[in-house]
Protein backbone atom coordinates (compact mmCIF):
# COMPACT_ATOMS: atom_id res chain seq x y z
CA UNK A 1 50.83 14.59 -18.36
CA UNK A 2 51.20 12.59 -15.20
CA UNK A 3 48.38 10.35 -13.99
CA UNK A 4 47.81 12.61 -10.94
CA UNK A 5 46.93 15.56 -13.16
CA UNK A 6 44.71 13.38 -15.44
CA UNK A 7 42.75 12.19 -12.35
CA UNK A 8 42.52 15.68 -10.98
CA UNK A 9 41.11 17.03 -14.23
CA UNK A 10 38.67 14.12 -14.44
CA UNK A 11 37.27 14.74 -11.02
CA UNK A 12 36.92 18.41 -11.86
CA UNK A 13 35.02 17.59 -15.06
CA UNK A 14 32.72 15.22 -13.24
CA UNK A 15 31.86 17.70 -10.55
CA UNK A 16 31.22 20.51 -12.97
CA UNK A 17 29.15 18.24 -15.16
CA UNK A 18 27.04 17.16 -12.19
CA UNK A 19 26.49 20.75 -11.20
CA UNK A 20 25.42 21.63 -14.64
CA UNK A 21 22.92 18.75 -14.74
CA UNK A 22 21.38 19.82 -11.33
CA UNK A 23 21.11 23.30 -12.65
CA UNK A 24 19.46 22.20 -15.88
CA UNK A 25 17.02 19.96 -13.96
CA UNK A 26 15.88 22.99 -11.90
CA UNK A 27 17.70 22.25 -8.71
CA UNK A 28 19.16 25.72 -8.30
CA UNK A 29 19.11 25.59 -4.58
CA UNK A 30 21.31 22.48 -4.61
CA UNK A 31 23.67 24.05 -7.16
CA UNK A 32 23.86 27.30 -5.13
CA UNK A 33 24.62 25.30 -1.96
CA UNK A 34 27.50 23.69 -3.61
CA UNK A 35 29.22 26.87 -4.95
CA UNK A 36 31.50 27.34 -1.94
CA UNK A 37 32.57 23.72 -2.22
CA UNK A 38 33.26 23.99 -5.89
CA UNK A 39 35.21 27.13 -5.41
CA UNK A 40 37.32 25.34 -2.79
CA UNK A 41 37.83 22.35 -5.12
CA UNK A 42 39.08 24.61 -7.92
CA UNK A 43 41.49 26.29 -5.50
CA UNK A 44 42.92 23.01 -4.28
CA UNK A 45 43.18 21.63 -7.79
CA UNK A 46 45.12 24.73 -8.93
CA UNK A 47 47.38 24.50 -5.93
CA UNK A 48 48.01 20.80 -6.58
CA UNK A 49 48.81 21.42 -10.22
CA UNK A 50 51.34 24.24 -9.39
CA UNK A 51 53.38 21.91 -7.31
CA UNK A 52 55.47 22.25 -4.20
CA UNK A 53 56.66 25.83 -4.78
CA UNK A 54 53.21 27.28 -4.03
CA UNK A 55 53.03 25.22 -0.83
CA UNK A 56 56.47 26.26 0.21
CA UNK A 57 55.70 29.97 -0.35
CA UNK A 58 52.44 29.64 1.49
CA UNK A 59 54.16 27.93 4.45
CA UNK A 60 56.78 30.75 4.69
CA UNK A 61 54.22 33.45 3.91
CA UNK A 62 56.20 34.89 0.92
CA UNK A 63 55.01 35.63 -2.47
CA UNK A 64 56.84 33.86 -5.41
CA UNK A 65 58.54 37.14 -6.55
CA UNK A 66 59.65 37.96 -3.06
CA UNK A 67 60.99 34.33 -2.60
CA UNK A 68 62.96 34.73 -5.83
CA UNK A 69 64.27 38.07 -4.91
CA UNK A 70 65.59 36.80 -1.69
CA UNK A 71 63.47 38.87 0.83
CA UNK A 72 65.22 42.10 1.59
CA UNK A 73 63.50 42.55 4.97
CA UNK A 74 63.20 39.88 7.75
CA UNK A 75 59.72 38.36 8.30
CA UNK A 76 57.60 39.93 11.10
């Protein structure tokens, strides 16, 4: 596993552990305020772990299956 993935997983574990501790300590408002940020963090980590193909497809606006099939109709 590359060091980039190890660091990404370590950051994810730390953030979720911190959120769990805040919830256990009764700081539900703080944990609830961070939920959108945690969701974005997970989304970015998944995108980073998937590599450049996901970024290339997002830039062109095609789905992975459509990109593999060769796009039968031109983009609008």
